[in-house]
Amino acid sequence: LILPLVSSYRYEGDEVNLNLAKTEAKLLHEKISNKAYNDDDFIRILATRSRAQINATLNHYKDAFGKDINKNLKADPKDKFLSLLRATVKCLIRPEKYFEKVVRLAINKRGTDEGALTRVVATRAEVDLKIIADEYQMRNSVPLERAIVKDTTGDYEKMLVALLGHDDA
């Protein structure tokens, strides 16, 4: 799953083919019903379709089959591959919401998960960290900067705050 996700060409335009969305929604449903989660077609759809096309496909999936695809992918919560598929779908649909959750879980536990926090802040700094910070504040009623300052110290704190765009820390 990971190799096709990072190595495939993905069209990033806004054009959507509704017939393709219907066809692929049906295909995804069949694969999930047959528990063929690692099927080539299943992975190809996730790895190559634009965000707009995936959203159209998954919206049609929900309309046609009555459940969000991630609910159907929870058949076995302990299955690591299904967990990876759910995370992939969440990240493809709304990456800012996915990364907000990663940050929240990294901060809101006993001791900071520095690896997860650093990975999100460093890799999303010039992409969509402002949107992730807004999502964090909406979800938690606390600005992300304040949560980071409360949970970290020293040069590590200064680096994270600087990447958030607040150089005065």
Protein backbone atom coordinates (compact mmCIF):
# COMPACT_ATOMS: atom_id res chain seq x y z
CA LEU A 1 0.00 0.00 0.00
CA ILE A 2 2.73 2.48 0.94
CA LEU A 3 4.84 2.02 -2.18
CA PRO A 4 2.00 2.78 -4.64
CA LEU A 5 0.87 5.72 -2.50
CA VAL A 6 4.23 7.44 -2.64
CA SER A 7 5.32 6.42 -6.13
CA SER A 8 2.17 6.78 -8.24
CA TYR A 9 1.29 9.78 -10.34
CA ARG A 10 -1.75 11.48 -8.84
CA TYR A 11 -3.74 14.03 -10.81
CA GLU A 12 -4.37 16.99 -8.49
CA GLY A 13 -7.04 18.82 -10.44
CA ASP A 14 -10.67 19.38 -9.51
CA GLU A 15 -12.25 17.44 -12.38
CA VAL A 16 -14.47 14.56 -11.31
CA ASN A 17 -15.82 11.70 -13.39
CA LEU A 18 -19.11 10.73 -11.69
CA ASN A 19 -19.47 7.51 -13.69
CA LEU A 20 -16.00 6.46 -12.57
CA ALA A 21 -16.90 7.39 -8.98
CA LYS A 22 -19.99 5.14 -9.10
CA THR A 23 -18.08 2.27 -10.67
CA GLU A 24 -15.19 2.52 -8.23
CA ALA A 25 -17.51 2.89 -5.21
CA LYS A 26 -19.16 -0.39 -6.24
CA LEU A 27 -15.75 -2.01 -6.73
CA LEU A 28 -14.55 -0.85 -3.30
CA HIS A 29 -17.72 -2.19 -1.71
CA GLU A 30 -17.25 -5.57 -3.39
CA LYS A 31 -13.63 -5.79 -2.26
CA ILE A 32 -14.56 -4.86 1.33
CA SER A 33 -17.46 -7.35 1.34
CA ASN A 34 -15.07 -10.07 0.15
CA LYS A 35 -12.38 -8.90 2.63
CA ALA A 36 -10.00 -8.40 -0.31
CA TYR A 37 -8.46 -5.34 1.31
CA ASN A 38 -5.08 -5.68 -0.39
CA ASP A 39 -6.54 -6.19 -3.85
CA ASP A 40 -4.63 -4.38 -6.62
CA ASP A 41 -7.72 -2.45 -7.76
CA PHE A 42 -8.52 -1.31 -4.22
CA ILE A 43 -4.98 0.00 -3.74
CA ARG A 44 -4.86 1.50 -7.25
CA ILE A 45 -7.94 3.61 -6.53
CA LEU A 46 -6.45 4.99 -3.31
CA ALA A 47 -3.01 5.50 -4.82
CA THR A 48 -3.83 7.18 -8.12
CA ARG A 49 -7.08 9.14 -7.85
CA SER A 50 -7.16 12.86 -7.16
CA ARG A 51 -8.53 14.13 -3.89
CA ALA A 52 -11.65 15.36 -5.69
CA GLN A 53 -12.17 12.00 -7.41
CA ILE A 54 -11.65 10.06 -4.16
CA ASN A 55 -14.12 12.34 -2.37
CA ALA A 56 -16.69 11.76 -5.12
CA THR A 57 -16.13 8.01 -4.99
CA LEU A 58 -16.38 7.83 -1.21
CA ASN A 59 -19.45 10.09 -1.15
CA HIS A 60 -21.12 7.79 -3.66
CA TYR A 61 -20.01 4.80 -1.57
CA LYS A 62 -21.74 6.25 1.49
CA ASP A 63 -24.89 7.17 -0.47
CA ALA A 64 -25.15 3.82 -2.22
CA PHE A 65 -24.23 1.51 0.65
CA GLY A 66 -25.37 3.50 3.69
CA LYS A 67 -22.08 3.59 5.57
CA ASP A 68 -18.88 5.54 5.47
CA ILE A 69 -16.06 3.40 4.05
CA ASN A 70 -14.03 3.74 7.25
CA LYS A 71 -16.89 2.19 9.24
CA ASN A 72 -16.77 -0.82 6.90
CA LEU A 73 -12.99 -0.99 7.27
CA LYS A 74 -13.35 -1.48 11.05
CA ALA A 75 -14.34 -5.13 10.62
CA ASP A 76 -11.29 -6.17 12.65
CA PRO A 77 -9.98 -3.24 14.77
CA LYS A 78 -6.80 -5.19 15.62
CA ASP A 79 -5.87 -5.71 11.96
CA LYS A 80 -2.87 -3.45 11.26
CA PHE A 81 -3.50 -3.34 7.50
CA LEU A 82 -7.10 -2.21 8.00
CA SER A 83 -5.87 0.43 10.42
CA LEU A 84 -3.42 1.62 7.76
CA LEU A 85 -6.20 1.69 5.15
CA ARG A 86 -8.43 3.78 7.45
CA ALA A 87 -5.58 6.22 8.13
CA THR A 88 -4.88 6.44 4.38
CA VAL A 89 -8.52 7.22 3.59
CA LYS A 90 -8.69 9.84 6.36
CA CYS A 91 -5.48 11.46 5.19
CA LEU A 92 -6.58 11.51 1.55
CA ILE A 93 -9.98 13.04 2.31
CA ARG A 94 -9.07 15.64 4.94
CA PRO A 95 -5.34 15.65 5.67
CA GLU A 96 -5.62 18.61 8.04
CA LYS A 97 -8.07 16.70 10.25
CA TYR A 98 -5.87 13.60 10.19
CA PHE A 99 -2.76 15.57 11.14
CA GLU A 100 -4.67 17.43 13.88
CA LYS A 101 -5.49 14.08 15.42
CA VAL A 102 -1.87 12.95 15.21
CA VAL A 103 -0.75 16.16 16.97
CA ARG A 104 -3.52 15.91 19.58
CA LEU A 105 -2.60 12.32 20.40
CA ALA A 106 1.10 13.24 20.52
CA ILE A 107 0.47 16.04 23.02
CA ASN A 108 -2.45 14.71 25.06
CA LYS A 109 -0.82 11.69 26.59
CA ARG A 110 1.52 11.08 29.45
CA GLY A 111 4.73 12.45 28.00
CA THR A 112 4.94 13.94 24.55
CA ASP A 113 5.28 11.69 21.51
CA GLU A 114 8.10 13.84 20.14
CA GLY A 115 8.50 11.75 17.00
CA ALA A 116 4.90 12.22 15.90
CA LEU A 117 4.77 15.89 16.93
CA THR A 118 8.04 16.73 15.17
CA ARG A 119 7.08 14.79 12.04
CA VAL A 120 3.78 16.65 11.60
CA VAL A 121 5.08 20.13 12.44
CA ALA A 122 8.26 19.78 10.36
CA THR A 123 6.71 18.15 7.29
CA ARG A 124 3.56 20.29 7.17
CA ALA A 125 5.17 23.66 8.08
CA GLU A 126 5.19 25.00 4.53
CA VAL A 127 2.19 23.02 3.33
CA ASP A 128 -0.84 23.33 5.58
CA LEU A 129 0.32 23.72 9.19
CA LYS A 130 -1.80 26.87 9.60
CA ILE A 131 -4.91 24.90 8.62
CA ILE A 132 -3.90 22.08 10.99
CA ALA A 133 -3.41 24.64 13.78
CA ASP A 134 -6.86 26.11 13.06
CA GLU A 135 -8.37 22.62 13.10
CA TYR A 136 -6.57 21.93 16.39
CA GLN A 137 -7.98 25.09 17.98
CA MET A 138 -11.49 24.31 16.74
CA ARG A 139 -11.31 20.76 18.12
CA ASN A 140 -9.56 21.52 21.41
CA SER A 141 -10.45 25.18 22.17
CA VAL A 142 -6.74 25.87 22.70
CA PRO A 143 -4.32 27.36 20.17
CA LEU A 144 -1.78 24.80 18.96
CA GLU A 145 1.08 27.10 19.89
CA ARG A 146 -0.10 27.26 23.51
CA ALA A 147 -0.49 23.48 23.67
CA ILE A 148 3.05 23.01 22.32
CA VAL A 149 4.51 25.59 24.73
CA LYS A 150 2.75 23.89 27.64
CA ASP A 151 3.97 20.44 26.63
CA THR A 152 7.56 21.09 25.49
CA THR A 153 10.62 23.02 26.66
CA GLY A 154 13.92 24.53 25.56
CA ASP A 155 15.25 24.52 22.02
CA TYR A 156 12.74 21.86 21.00
CA GLU A 157 9.88 24.17 21.98
CA LYS A 158 11.50 27.13 20.20
CA MET A 159 11.97 25.09 17.03
CA LEU A 160 8.34 23.93 16.98
CA VAL A 161 7.00 27.43 17.69
CA ALA A 162 9.24 28.88 14.97
CA LEU A 163 7.90 26.33 12.47
CA LEU A 164 4.38 27.35 13.49
CA GLY A 165 5.34 30.81 12.30
CA HIS A 166 5.81 32.51 15.67
CA ASP A 167 9.48 33.50 15.77
CA ASP A 168 9.10 35.66 18.87
CA ALA A 169 9.19 32.68 21.26
